Each structure stands twice: as C-alpha cells, then as structure tokens.
PDB file of all heavy atoms in Angstrom:
ATOM      1  N   ARG A   1       0.768  -1.233  -0.042  1.00  0.00           N
ATOM      2  CA  ARG A   1       0.045  -0.020   0.017  1.00  0.00           C
ATOM      3  C   ARG A   1       0.878   1.265  -0.031  1.00  0.00           C
ATOM      4  O   ARG A   1       0.505   2.223  -0.731  1.00  0.00           O
ATOM      5  CB  ARG A   1      -0.887  -0.037   1.177  1.00  0.00           C
ATOM      6  CG  ARG A   1      -2.031  -0.978   1.144  1.00  0.00           C
ATOM      7  CD  ARG A   1      -2.870  -1.058   2.405  1.00  0.00           C
ATOM      8  NE  ARG A   1      -4.233  -1.012   2.200  1.00  0.00           N
ATOM      9  CZ  ARG A   1      -5.166  -1.096   3.231  1.00  0.00           C
ATOM     10  NH1 ARG A   1      -4.767  -1.152   4.425  1.00  0.00           N
ATOM     11  NH2 ARG A   1      -6.408  -0.990   2.866  1.00  0.00           N
ATOM     12  N   THR A   2       1.926   1.214   0.786  1.00  0.00           N
ATOM     13  CA  THR A   2       2.778   2.433   0.817  1.00  0.00           C
ATOM     14  C   THR A   2       3.585   2.627  -0.392  1.00  0.00           C
ATOM     15  O   THR A   2       4.285   3.703  -0.589  1.00  0.00           O
ATOM     16  CB  THR A   2       3.707   2.347   2.063  1.00  0.00           C
ATOM     17  OG1 THR A   2       4.516   1.216   2.070  1.00  0.00           O
ATOM     18  CG2 THR A   2       2.880   2.284   3.395  1.00  0.00           C
ATOM     19  N   CYS A   3       3.684   1.665  -1.222  1.00  0.00           N
ATOM     20  CA  CYS A   3       4.485   1.787  -2.491  1.00  0.00           C
ATOM     21  C   CYS A   3       3.952   2.749  -3.475  1.00  0.00           C
ATOM     22  O   CYS A   3       4.648   3.175  -4.377  1.00  0.00           O
ATOM     23  CB  CYS A   3       4.713   0.386  -3.070  1.00  0.00           C
ATOM     24  SG  CYS A   3       3.117  -0.296  -3.734  1.00  0.00           S
ATOM     25  N   TYR A   4       2.675   3.221  -3.310  1.00  0.00           N
ATOM     26  CA  TYR A   4       2.161   4.180  -4.219  1.00  0.00           C
ATOM     27  C   TYR A   4       1.235   5.235  -3.473  1.00  0.00           C
ATOM     28  O   TYR A   4       0.650   4.955  -2.422  1.00  0.00           O
ATOM     29  CB  TYR A   4       1.285   3.437  -5.335  1.00  0.00           C
ATOM     30  CG  TYR A   4      -0.063   2.870  -4.921  1.00  0.00           C
ATOM     31  CD1 TYR A   4      -1.229   3.434  -5.334  1.00  0.00           C
ATOM     32  CD2 TYR A   4      -0.056   1.706  -4.169  1.00  0.00           C
ATOM     33  CE1 TYR A   4      -2.446   2.877  -5.054  1.00  0.00           C
ATOM     34  CE2 TYR A   4      -1.274   1.057  -3.870  1.00  0.00           C
ATOM     35  CZ  TYR A   4      -2.518   1.635  -4.247  1.00  0.00           C
ATOM     36  OH  TYR A   4      -3.667   1.076  -3.983  1.00  0.00           O
ATOM     37  N   ASP A   5       1.304   6.463  -4.029  1.00  0.00           N
ATOM     38  CA  ASP A   5       0.528   7.472  -3.551  1.00  0.00           C
ATOM     39  C   ASP A   5      -0.555   7.841  -4.503  1.00  0.00           C
ATOM     40  O   ASP A   5      -0.292   8.108  -5.684  1.00  0.00           O
ATOM     41  CB  ASP A   5       1.471   8.791  -3.329  1.00  0.00           C
ATOM     42  CG  ASP A   5       0.741  10.042  -2.922  1.00  0.00           C
ATOM     43  OD1 ASP A   5      -0.239   9.964  -2.207  1.00  0.00           O
ATOM     44  OD2 ASP A   5       1.089  11.095  -3.469  1.00  0.00           O
ATOM     45  N   ILE A   6      -1.770   7.797  -4.054  1.00  0.00           N
ATOM     46  CA  ILE A   6      -2.890   7.986  -5.015  1.00  0.00           C
ATOM     47  C   ILE A   6      -3.053   9.472  -5.267  1.00  0.00           C
ATOM     48  O   ILE A   6      -3.067  10.274  -4.417  1.00  0.00           O
ATOM     49  CB  ILE A   6      -4.217   7.352  -4.442  1.00  0.00           C
ATOM     50  CG1 ILE A   6      -5.231   7.247  -5.512  1.00  0.00           C
ATOM     51  CG2 ILE A   6      -4.680   8.087  -3.260  1.00  0.00           C
ATOM     52  CD1 ILE A   6      -4.942   6.219  -6.624  1.00  0.00           C
ATOM     53  N   ASN A   7      -3.161   9.796  -6.545  1.00  0.00           N
ATOM     54  CA  ASN A   7      -3.232  11.206  -7.076  1.00  0.00           C
ATOM     55  C   ASN A   7      -4.601  11.564  -7.592  1.00  0.00           C
ATOM     56  O   ASN A   7      -5.064  12.717  -7.348  1.00  0.00           O
ATOM     57  CB  ASN A   7      -2.292  11.425  -8.178  1.00  0.00           C
ATOM     58  CG  ASN A   7      -0.780  11.070  -7.833  1.00  0.00           C
ATOM     59  OD1 ASN A   7      -0.078  10.544  -8.664  1.00  0.00           O
ATOM     60  ND2 ASN A   7      -0.376  11.476  -6.627  1.00  0.00           N
ATOM     61  N   TYR A   8      -5.304  10.586  -8.248  1.00  0.00           N
ATOM     62  CA  TYR A   8      -6.579  10.940  -8.939  1.00  0.00           C
ATOM     63  C   TYR A   8      -7.398   9.747  -9.108  1.00  0.00           C
ATOM     64  O   TYR A   8      -6.790   8.649  -9.397  1.00  0.00           O
ATOM     65  CB  TYR A   8      -6.166  11.552 -10.258  1.00  0.00           C
ATOM     66  CG  TYR A   8      -7.412  11.915 -11.113  1.00  0.00           C
ATOM     67  CD1 TYR A   8      -8.193  13.100 -10.910  1.00  0.00           C
ATOM     68  CD2 TYR A   8      -7.799  11.099 -12.176  1.00  0.00           C
ATOM     69  CE1 TYR A   8      -9.268  13.338 -11.675  1.00  0.00           C
ATOM     70  CE2 TYR A   8      -8.875  11.378 -12.974  1.00  0.00           C
ATOM     71  CZ  TYR A   8      -9.666  12.532 -12.702  1.00  0.00           C
ATOM     72  OH  TYR A   8     -10.693  12.803 -13.521  1.00  0.00           O
ATOM     73  N   TYR A   9      -8.682   9.835  -8.945  1.00  0.00           N
ATOM     74  CA  TYR A   9      -9.637   8.852  -9.246  1.00  0.00           C
ATOM     75  C   TYR A   9     -10.688   9.381 -10.246  1.00  0.00           C
ATOM     76  O   TYR A   9     -11.080  10.584 -10.142  1.00  0.00           O
ATOM     77  CB  TYR A   9     -10.475   8.343  -8.037  1.00  0.00           C
ATOM     78  CG  TYR A   9      -9.690   7.508  -7.025  1.00  0.00           C
ATOM     79  CD1 TYR A   9      -9.909   7.945  -5.636  1.00  0.00           C
ATOM     80  CD2 TYR A   9      -9.004   6.362  -7.299  1.00  0.00           C
ATOM     81  CE1 TYR A   9      -9.198   7.230  -4.576  1.00  0.00           C
ATOM     82  CE2 TYR A   9      -8.373   5.691  -6.273  1.00  0.00           C
ATOM     83  CZ  TYR A   9      -8.559   6.085  -4.928  1.00  0.00           C
ATOM     84  OH  TYR A   9      -7.948   5.403  -3.924  1.00  0.00           O
ATOM     85  N   HIS A  10     -11.124   8.554 -11.123  1.00  0.00           N
ATOM     86  CA  HIS A  10     -12.343   8.873 -11.870  1.00  0.00           C
ATOM     87  C   HIS A  10     -13.284   7.654 -11.578  1.00  0.00           C
ATOM     88  O   HIS A  10     -13.136   6.592 -12.247  1.00  0.00           O
ATOM     89  CB  HIS A  10     -12.123   9.044 -13.403  1.00  0.00           C
ATOM     90  CG  HIS A  10     -13.520   9.235 -14.031  1.00  0.00           C
ATOM     91  ND1 HIS A  10     -13.647   9.170 -15.499  1.00  0.00           N
ATOM     92  CD2 HIS A  10     -14.734   9.556 -13.608  1.00  0.00           C
ATOM     93  CE1 HIS A  10     -14.903   9.366 -15.799  1.00  0.00           C
ATOM     94  NE2 HIS A  10     -15.488   9.634 -14.727  1.00  0.00           N
ATOM     95  N   LEU A  11     -14.174   7.810 -10.725  1.00  0.00           N
ATOM     96  CA  LEU A  11     -15.219   6.769 -10.365  1.00  0.00           C
ATOM     97  C   LEU A  11     -16.430   6.955 -11.338  1.00  0.00           C
ATOM     98  O   LEU A  11     -17.031   8.056 -11.311  1.00  0.00           O
ATOM     99  CB  LEU A  11     -15.563   6.956  -8.887  1.00  0.00           C
ATOM    100  CG  LEU A  11     -16.753   5.999  -8.422  1.00  0.00           C
ATOM    101  CD1 LEU A  11     -16.257   4.535  -8.522  1.00  0.00           C
ATOM    102  CD2 LEU A  11     -17.087   6.309  -6.959  1.00  0.00           C
ATOM    103  N   ASP A  12     -16.830   5.924 -12.043  1.00  0.00           N
ATOM    104  CA  ASP A  12     -17.944   6.019 -12.977  1.00  0.00           C
ATOM    105  C   ASP A  12     -18.817   4.875 -12.712  1.00  0.00           C
ATOM    106  O   ASP A  12     -18.439   3.645 -12.997  1.00  0.00           O
ATOM    107  CB  ASP A  12     -17.282   5.927 -14.458  1.00  0.00           C
ATOM    108  CG  ASP A  12     -18.318   6.132 -15.527  1.00  0.00           C
ATOM    109  OD1 ASP A  12     -19.565   6.311 -15.165  1.00  0.00           O
ATOM    110  OD2 ASP A  12     -18.009   6.228 -16.657  1.00  0.00           O
ATOM    111  N   VAL A  13     -19.995   5.091 -12.060  1.00  0.00           N
ATOM    112  CA  VAL A  13     -20.844   3.966 -11.584  1.00  0.00           C
ATOM    113  C   VAL A  13     -22.279   4.250 -12.009  1.00  0.00           C
ATOM    114  O   VAL A  13     -22.783   5.371 -11.948  1.00  0.00           O
ATOM    115  CB  VAL A  13     -20.797   3.916 -10.107  1.00  0.00           C
ATOM    116  CG1 VAL A  13     -21.613   2.669  -9.571  1.00  0.00           C
ATOM    117  CG2 VAL A  13     -19.396   3.772  -9.548  1.00  0.00           C
ATOM    118  N   LYS A  14     -22.910   3.196 -12.463  1.00  0.00           N
ATOM    119  CA  LYS A  14     -24.319   3.153 -12.755  1.00  0.00           C
ATOM    120  C   LYS A  14     -25.109   2.460 -11.681  1.00  0.00           C
ATOM    121  O   LYS A  14     -24.775   1.361 -11.300  1.00  0.00           O
ATOM    122  CB  LYS A  14     -24.550   2.457 -14.109  1.00  0.00           C
ATOM    123  CG  LYS A  14     -25.973   2.424 -14.605  1.00  0.00           C
ATOM    124  CD  LYS A  14     -26.081   1.616 -15.935  1.00  0.00           C
ATOM    125  CE  LYS A  14     -27.529   1.503 -16.369  1.00  0.00           C
ATOM    126  NZ  LYS A  14     -27.603   0.743 -17.682  1.00  0.00           N
ATOM    127  N   PHE A  15     -26.163   3.085 -11.216  1.00  0.00           N
ATOM    128  CA  PHE A  15     -27.130   2.447 -10.246  1.00  0.00           C
ATOM    129  C   PHE A  15     -28.356   1.918 -10.866  1.00  0.00           C
ATOM    130  O   PHE A  15     -29.162   2.705 -11.311  1.00  0.00           O
ATOM    131  CB  PHE A  15     -27.464   3.491  -9.201  1.00  0.00           C
ATOM    132  CG  PHE A  15     -26.321   3.702  -8.143  1.00  0.00           C
ATOM    133  CD1 PHE A  15     -25.241   4.421  -8.384  1.00  0.00           C
ATOM    134  CD2 PHE A  15     -26.504   3.190  -6.818  1.00  0.00           C
ATOM    135  CE1 PHE A  15     -24.238   4.640  -7.438  1.00  0.00           C
ATOM    136  CE2 PHE A  15     -25.495   3.387  -5.842  1.00  0.00           C
ATOM    137  CZ  PHE A  15     -24.355   4.164  -6.158  1.00  0.00           C
ATOM    138  N   ASP A  16     -28.454   0.602 -10.823  1.00  0.00           N
ATOM    139  CA  ASP A  16     -29.695  -0.136 -11.198  1.00  0.00           C
ATOM    140  C   ASP A  16     -30.515  -0.221  -9.906  1.00  0.00           C
ATOM    141  O   ASP A  16     -30.321  -1.289  -9.148  1.00  0.00           O
ATOM    142  CB  ASP A  16     -29.290  -1.445 -11.815  1.00  0.00           C
ATOM    143  CG  ASP A  16     -30.623  -2.284 -12.174  1.00  0.00           C
ATOM    144  OD1 ASP A  16     -31.717  -1.825 -11.833  1.00  0.00           O
ATOM    145  OD2 ASP A  16     -30.465  -3.293 -12.864  1.00  0.00           O
ATOM    146  N   ILE A  17     -31.343   0.743  -9.646  1.00  0.00           N
ATOM    147  CA  ILE A  17     -31.986   0.834  -8.292  1.00  0.00           C
ATOM    148  C   ILE A  17     -32.898  -0.349  -8.106  1.00  0.00           C
ATOM    149  O   ILE A  17     -32.950  -0.928  -6.985  1.00  0.00           O
ATOM    150  CB  ILE A  17     -32.669   2.203  -8.140  1.00  0.00           C
ATOM    151  CG1 ILE A  17     -31.587   3.295  -8.259  1.00  0.00           C
ATOM    152  CG2 ILE A  17     -33.464   2.211  -6.839  1.00  0.00           C
ATOM    153  CD1 ILE A  17     -32.240   4.719  -8.234  1.00  0.00           C
ATOM    154  N   ALA A  18     -33.645  -0.686  -9.105  1.00  0.00           N
ATOM    155  CA  ALA A  18     -34.684  -1.754  -8.930  1.00  0.00           C
ATOM    156  C   ALA A  18     -34.060  -3.080  -8.492  1.00  0.00           C
ATOM    157  O   ALA A  18     -34.650  -3.819  -7.725  1.00  0.00           O
ATOM    158  CB  ALA A  18     -35.458  -1.935 -10.268  1.00  0.00           C
ATOM    159  N   ASN A  19     -32.810  -3.311  -9.002  1.00  0.00           N
ATOM    160  CA  ASN A  19     -32.136  -4.630  -8.647  1.00  0.00           C
ATOM    161  C   ASN A  19     -31.042  -4.415  -7.621  1.00  0.00           C
ATOM    162  O   ASN A  19     -30.328  -5.372  -7.323  1.00  0.00           O
ATOM    163  CB  ASN A  19     -31.582  -5.238  -9.941  1.00  0.00           C
ATOM    164  CG  ASN A  19     -32.600  -5.619 -10.937  1.00  0.00           C
ATOM    165  OD1 ASN A  19     -33.479  -6.423 -10.581  1.00  0.00           O
ATOM    166  ND2 ASN A  19     -32.584  -5.158 -12.104  1.00  0.00           N
ATOM    167  N   LYS A  20     -30.989  -3.214  -7.040  1.00  0.00           N
ATOM    168  CA  LYS A  20     -29.951  -2.908  -6.062  1.00  0.00           C
ATOM    169  C   LYS A  20     -28.487  -3.356  -6.582  1.00  0.00           C
ATOM    170  O   LYS A  20     -27.760  -3.870  -5.829  1.00  0.00           O
ATOM    171  CB  LYS A  20     -30.294  -3.547  -4.718  1.00  0.00           C
ATOM    172  CG  LYS A  20     -31.537  -3.031  -4.117  1.00  0.00           C
ATOM    173  CD  LYS A  20     -31.921  -3.651  -2.800  1.00  0.00           C
ATOM    174  CE  LYS A  20     -33.281  -3.116  -2.266  1.00  0.00           C
ATOM    175  NZ  LYS A  20     -33.667  -3.747  -1.070  1.00  0.00           N
ATOM    176  N   PHE A  21     -28.274  -3.045  -7.784  1.00  0.00           N
ATOM    177  CA  PHE A  21     -27.096  -3.436  -8.465  1.00  0.00           C
ATOM    178  C   PHE A  21     -26.334  -2.278  -9.060  1.00  0.00           C
ATOM    179  O   PHE A  21     -26.930  -1.298  -9.460  1.00  0.00           O
ATOM    180  CB  PHE A  21     -27.498  -4.338  -9.694  1.00  0.00           C
ATOM    181  CG  PHE A  21     -26.365  -4.985 -10.435  1.00  0.00           C
ATOM    182  CD1 PHE A  21     -25.794  -6.191  -9.947  1.00  0.00           C
ATOM    183  CD2 PHE A  21     -25.948  -4.429 -11.609  1.00  0.00           C
ATOM    184  CE1 PHE A  21     -24.809  -6.733 -10.682  1.00  0.00           C
ATOM    185  CE2 PHE A  21     -24.907  -5.008 -12.387  1.00  0.00           C
ATOM    186  CZ  PHE A  21     -24.374  -6.207 -11.939  1.00  0.00           C
ATOM    187  N   ILE A  22     -24.990  -2.351  -8.917  1.00  0.00           N
ATOM    188  CA  ILE A  22     -24.177  -1.238  -9.499  1.00  0.00           C
ATOM    189  C   ILE A  22     -23.185  -1.848 -10.454  1.00  0.00           C
ATOM    190  O   ILE A  22     -22.765  -3.002 -10.277  1.00  0.00           O
ATOM    191  CB  ILE A  22     -23.462  -0.472  -8.438  1.00  0.00           C
ATOM    192  CG1 ILE A  22     -22.480  -1.319  -7.597  1.00  0.00           C
ATOM    193  CG2 ILE A  22     -24.492   0.337  -7.544  1.00  0.00           C
ATOM    194  CD1 ILE A  22     -21.680  -0.502  -6.574  1.00  0.00           C
ATOM    195  N   SER A  23     -22.741  -1.065 -11.424  1.00  0.00           N
ATOM    196  CA  SER A  23     -21.652  -1.545 -12.316  1.00  0.00           C
ATOM    197  C   SER A  23     -20.908  -0.263 -12.836  1.00  0.00           C
ATOM    198  O   SER A  23     -21.479   0.779 -12.915  1.00  0.00           O
ATOM    199  CB  SER A  23     -22.261  -2.241 -13.555  1.00  0.00           C
ATOM    200  OG  SER A  23     -23.186  -1.423 -14.197  1.00  0.00           O
ATOM    201  N   GLY A  24     -19.590  -0.439 -12.987  1.00  0.00           N
ATOM    202  CA  GLY A  24     -18.823   0.665 -13.472  1.00  0.00           C
ATOM    203  C   GLY A  24     -17.339   0.384 -13.336  1.00  0.00           C
ATOM    204  O   GLY A  24     -16.852  -0.680 -13.476  1.00  0.00           O
ATOM    205  N   SER A  25     -16.621   1.542 -13.161  1.00  0.00           N
ATOM    206  CA  SER A  25     -15.165   1.460 -13.117  1.00  0.00           C
ATOM    207  C   SER A  25     -14.629   2.554 -12.265  1.00  0.00           C
ATOM    208  O   SER A  25     -15.257   3.532 -12.007  1.00  0.00           O
ATOM    209  CB  SER A  25     -14.618   1.578 -14.620  1.00  0.00           C
ATOM    210  OG  SER A  25     -14.980   2.862 -15.137  1.00  0.00           O
ATOM    211  N   ASN A  26     -13.352   2.355 -11.870  1.00  0.00           N
ATOM    212  CA  ASN A  26     -12.546   3.425 -11.282  1.00  0.00           C
ATOM    213  C   ASN A  26     -11.189   3.480 -11.784  1.00  0.00           C
ATOM    214  O   ASN A  26     -10.488   2.446 -11.855  1.00  0.00           O
ATOM    215  CB  ASN A  26     -12.547   3.259  -9.761  1.00  0.00           C
ATOM    216  CG  ASN A  26     -11.985   4.470  -9.021  1.00  0.00           C
ATOM    217  OD1 ASN A  26     -12.096   5.590  -9.523  1.00  0.00           O
ATOM    218  ND2 ASN A  26     -11.329   4.192  -7.860  1.00  0.00           N
ATOM    219  N   LEU A  27     -10.829   4.619 -12.273  1.00  0.00           N
ATOM    220  CA  LEU A  27      -9.438   4.881 -12.783  1.00  0.00           C
ATOM    221  C   LEU A  27      -8.474   5.299 -11.577  1.00  0.00           C
ATOM    222  O   LEU A  27      -8.897   6.270 -10.859  1.00  0.00           O
ATOM    223  CB  LEU A  27      -9.449   6.019 -13.853  1.00  0.00           C
ATOM    224  CG  LEU A  27      -8.140   6.584 -14.248  1.00  0.00           C
ATOM    225  CD1 LEU A  27      -7.286   5.555 -14.992  1.00  0.00           C
ATOM    226  CD2 LEU A  27      -8.376   7.837 -15.127  1.00  0.00           C
ATOM    227  N   PHE A  28      -7.422   4.634 -11.360  1.00  0.00           N
ATOM    228  CA  PHE A  28      -6.494   4.968 -10.434  1.00  0.00           C
ATOM    229  C   PHE A  28      -5.207   5.652 -11.071  1.00  0.00           C
ATOM    230  O   PHE A  28      -4.574   5.071 -11.896  1.00  0.00           O
ATOM    231  CB  PHE A  28      -5.890   3.782  -9.699  1.00  0.00           C
ATOM    232  CG  PHE A  28      -6.825   2.987  -8.786  1.00  0.00           C
ATOM    233  CD1 PHE A  28      -7.966   2.382  -9.394  1.00  0.00           C
ATOM    234  CD2 PHE A  28      -6.487   2.810  -7.473  1.00  0.00           C
ATOM    235  CE1 PHE A  28      -8.760   1.569  -8.512  1.00  0.00           C
ATOM    236  CE2 PHE A  28      -7.308   2.059  -6.623  1.00  0.00           C
ATOM    237  CZ  PHE A  28      -8.495   1.527  -7.167  1.00  0.00           C
ATOM    238  N   LYS A  29      -4.978   6.935 -10.709  1.00  0.00           N
ATOM    239  CA  LYS A  29      -3.662   7.496 -11.097  1.00  0.00           C
ATOM    240  C   LYS A  29      -2.812   7.635  -9.880  1.00  0.00           C
ATOM    241  O   LYS A  29      -3.278   8.158  -8.870  1.00  0.00           O
ATOM    242  CB  LYS A  29      -3.929   8.846 -11.840  1.00  0.00           C
ATOM    243  CG  LYS A  29      -4.580   8.784 -13.135  1.00  0.00           C
ATOM    244  CD  LYS A  29      -4.623  10.071 -13.845  1.00  0.00           C
ATOM    245  CE  LYS A  29      -5.161   9.989 -15.211  1.00  0.00           C
ATOM    246  NZ  LYS A  29      -5.174  11.225 -15.994  1.00  0.00           N
ATOM    247  N   PHE A  30      -1.526   7.310 -10.025  1.00  0.00           N
ATOM    248  CA  PHE A  30      -0.775   7.286  -8.794  1.00  0.00           C
ATOM    249  C   PHE A  30       0.766   7.644  -9.090  1.00  0.00           C
ATOM    250  O   PHE A  30       1.179   7.675 -10.230  1.00  0.00           O
ATOM    251  CB  PHE A  30      -0.710   5.856  -8.138  1.00  0.00           C
ATOM    252  CG  PHE A  30      -0.161   4.765  -8.957  1.00  0.00           C
ATOM    253  CD1 PHE A  30       1.125   4.404  -8.939  1.00  0.00           C
ATOM    254  CD2 PHE A  30      -0.952   4.073  -9.863  1.00  0.00           C
ATOM    255  CE1 PHE A  30       1.740   3.462  -9.762  1.00  0.00           C
ATOM    256  CE2 PHE A  30      -0.472   3.047 -10.670  1.00  0.00           C
ATOM    257  CZ  PHE A  30       0.917   2.754 -10.584  1.00  0.00           C
ATOM    258  N   THR A  31       1.428   7.871  -7.986  1.00  0.00           N
ATOM    259  CA  THR A  31       2.919   8.130  -8.083  1.00  0.00           C
ATOM    260  C   THR A  31       3.595   7.039  -7.233  1.00  0.00           C
ATOM    261  O   THR A  31       3.154   6.843  -6.129  1.00  0.00           O
ATOM    262  CB  THR A  31       3.310   9.493  -7.547  1.00  0.00           C
ATOM    263  OG1 THR A  31       2.658  10.519  -8.346  1.00  0.00           O
ATOM    264  CG2 THR A  31       4.839   9.731  -7.647  1.00  0.00           C
ATOM    265  N   ALA A  32       4.567   6.462  -7.841  1.00  0.00           N
ATOM    266  CA  ALA A  32       5.265   5.364  -7.047  1.00  0.00           C
ATOM    267  C   ALA A  32       6.250   5.979  -6.027  1.00  0.00           C
ATOM    268  O   ALA A  32       6.979   6.983  -6.354  1.00  0.00           O
ATOM    269  CB  ALA A  32       6.154   4.520  -8.079  1.00  0.00           C
ATOM    270  N   THR A  33       6.156   5.584  -4.829  1.00  0.00           N
ATOM    271  CA  THR A  33       7.000   6.057  -3.802  1.00  0.00           C
ATOM    272  C   THR A  33       8.262   5.177  -3.560  1.00  0.00           C
ATOM    273  O   THR A  33       9.203   5.517  -2.814  1.00  0.00           O
ATOM    274  CB  THR A  33       6.245   6.064  -2.428  1.00  0.00           C
ATOM    275  OG1 THR A  33       5.810   4.686  -2.104  1.00  0.00           O
ATOM    276  CG2 THR A  33       4.993   6.950  -2.523  1.00  0.00           C
ATOM    277  N   GLN A  34       8.327   4.037  -4.260  1.00  0.00           N
ATOM    278  CA  GLN A  34       9.433   3.155  -4.327  1.00  0.00           C
ATOM    279  C   GLN A  34       9.345   2.285  -5.519  1.00  0.00           C
ATOM    280  O   GLN A  34       8.326   2.221  -6.223  1.00  0.00           O
ATOM    281  CB  GLN A  34       9.463   2.351  -3.009  1.00  0.00           C
ATOM    282  CG  GLN A  34       8.396   1.398  -2.982  1.00  0.00           C
ATOM    283  CD  GLN A  34       8.257   0.696  -1.604  1.00  0.00           C
ATOM    284  OE1 GLN A  34       8.098   1.291  -0.598  1.00  0.00           O
ATOM    285  NE2 GLN A  34       8.371  -0.626  -1.620  1.00  0.00           N
ATOM    286  N   ASP A  35      10.361   1.585  -5.938  1.00  0.00           N
ATOM    287  CA  ASP A  35      10.282   0.607  -6.999  1.00  0.00           C
ATOM    288  C   ASP A  35       9.342  -0.535  -6.510  1.00  0.00           C
ATOM    289  O   ASP A  35       9.494  -1.093  -5.355  1.00  0.00           O
ATOM    290  CB  ASP A  35      11.666   0.080  -7.250  1.00  0.00           C
ATOM    291  CG  ASP A  35      12.613   1.155  -7.922  1.00  0.00           C
ATOM    292  OD1 ASP A  35      12.118   2.139  -8.295  1.00  0.00           O
ATOM    293  OD2 ASP A  35      13.837   0.775  -8.082  1.00  0.00           O
ATOM    294  N   PHE A  36       8.491  -0.996  -7.362  1.00  0.00           N
ATOM    295  CA  PHE A  36       7.592  -2.136  -7.051  1.00  0.00           C
ATOM    296  C   PHE A  36       7.038  -2.651  -8.287  1.00  0.00           C
ATOM    297  O   PHE A  36       6.932  -2.065  -9.336  1.00  0.00           O
ATOM    298  CB  PHE A  36       6.507  -1.650  -6.087  1.00  0.00           C
ATOM    299  CG  PHE A  36       5.420  -0.808  -6.638  1.00  0.00           C
ATOM    300  CD1 PHE A  36       4.263  -1.399  -7.175  1.00  0.00           C
ATOM    301  CD2 PHE A  36       5.504   0.494  -6.748  1.00  0.00           C
ATOM    302  CE1 PHE A  36       3.276  -0.697  -7.873  1.00  0.00           C
ATOM    303  CE2 PHE A  36       4.465   1.341  -7.316  1.00  0.00           C
ATOM    304  CZ  PHE A  36       3.403   0.741  -7.839  1.00  0.00           C
ATOM    305  N   LYS A  37       6.521  -3.955  -8.105  1.00  0.00           N
ATOM    306  CA  LYS A  37       5.785  -4.614  -9.185  1.00  0.00           C
ATOM    307  C   LYS A  37       4.369  -5.025  -8.779  1.00  0.00           C
ATOM    308  O   LYS A  37       3.491  -5.261  -9.637  1.00  0.00           O
ATOM    309  CB  LYS A  37       6.531  -5.835  -9.632  1.00  0.00           C
ATOM    310  CG  LYS A  37       7.760  -5.679 -10.472  1.00  0.00           C
ATOM    311  CD  LYS A  37       8.316  -6.903 -11.078  1.00  0.00           C
ATOM    312  CE  LYS A  37       7.410  -7.432 -12.259  1.00  0.00           C
ATOM    313  NZ  LYS A  37       8.000  -8.624 -12.939  1.00  0.00           N
ATOM    314  N   LYS A  38       4.167  -5.123  -7.442  1.00  0.00           N
ATOM    315  CA  LYS A  38       2.814  -5.535  -6.954  1.00  0.00           C
ATOM    316  C   LYS A  38       2.251  -4.475  -6.006  1.00  0.00           C
ATOM    317  O   LYS A  38       2.985  -3.831  -5.175  1.00  0.00           O
ATOM    318  CB  LYS A  38       3.059  -6.831  -6.275  1.00  0.00           C
ATOM    319  CG  LYS A  38       1.761  -7.553  -5.748  1.00  0.00           C
ATOM    320  CD  LYS A  38       2.083  -8.889  -5.121  1.00  0.00           C
ATOM    321  CE  LYS A  38       0.825  -9.578  -4.642  1.00  0.00           C
ATOM    322  NZ  LYS A  38       1.175 -10.925  -4.026  1.00  0.00           N
ATOM    323  N   LEU A  39       0.942  -4.235  -6.009  1.00  0.00           N
ATOM    324  CA  LEU A  39       0.314  -3.382  -5.089  1.00  0.00           C
ATOM    325  C   LEU A  39      -1.063  -3.947  -4.600  1.00  0.00           C
ATOM    326  O   LEU A  39      -1.608  -4.952  -5.254  1.00  0.00           O
ATOM    327  CB  LEU A  39       0.118  -2.002  -5.696  1.00  0.00           C
ATOM    328  CG  LEU A  39      -0.823  -1.734  -6.900  1.00  0.00           C
ATOM    329  CD1 LEU A  39      -2.252  -1.814  -6.713  1.00  0.00           C
ATOM    330  CD2 LEU A  39      -0.464  -0.287  -7.495  1.00  0.00           C
TER     331      LEU A  39
END
C-alpha cells in the first residue's frame, strides 16, 4: 500500500436501483514512492 501515492480517481458508476445493482469502473492515477511490481 505504501509503495504508491494515489493522485486521482475517476469513479464512474451506474445504479440499477430496482435490482440494487451497480456496475462501473474506477481509474487509479498514482505516483510510485518506491520501486515495485505488486500493489
């Protein structure tokens, strides 16, 4: 978790209220605080 600093999100979600269902995406933009391959 500490290997990256989160800079920006774009959360894009659709609410299907009748079915209490959601679907969508989230864009993560980040800066690496150290060398890493896994987060």
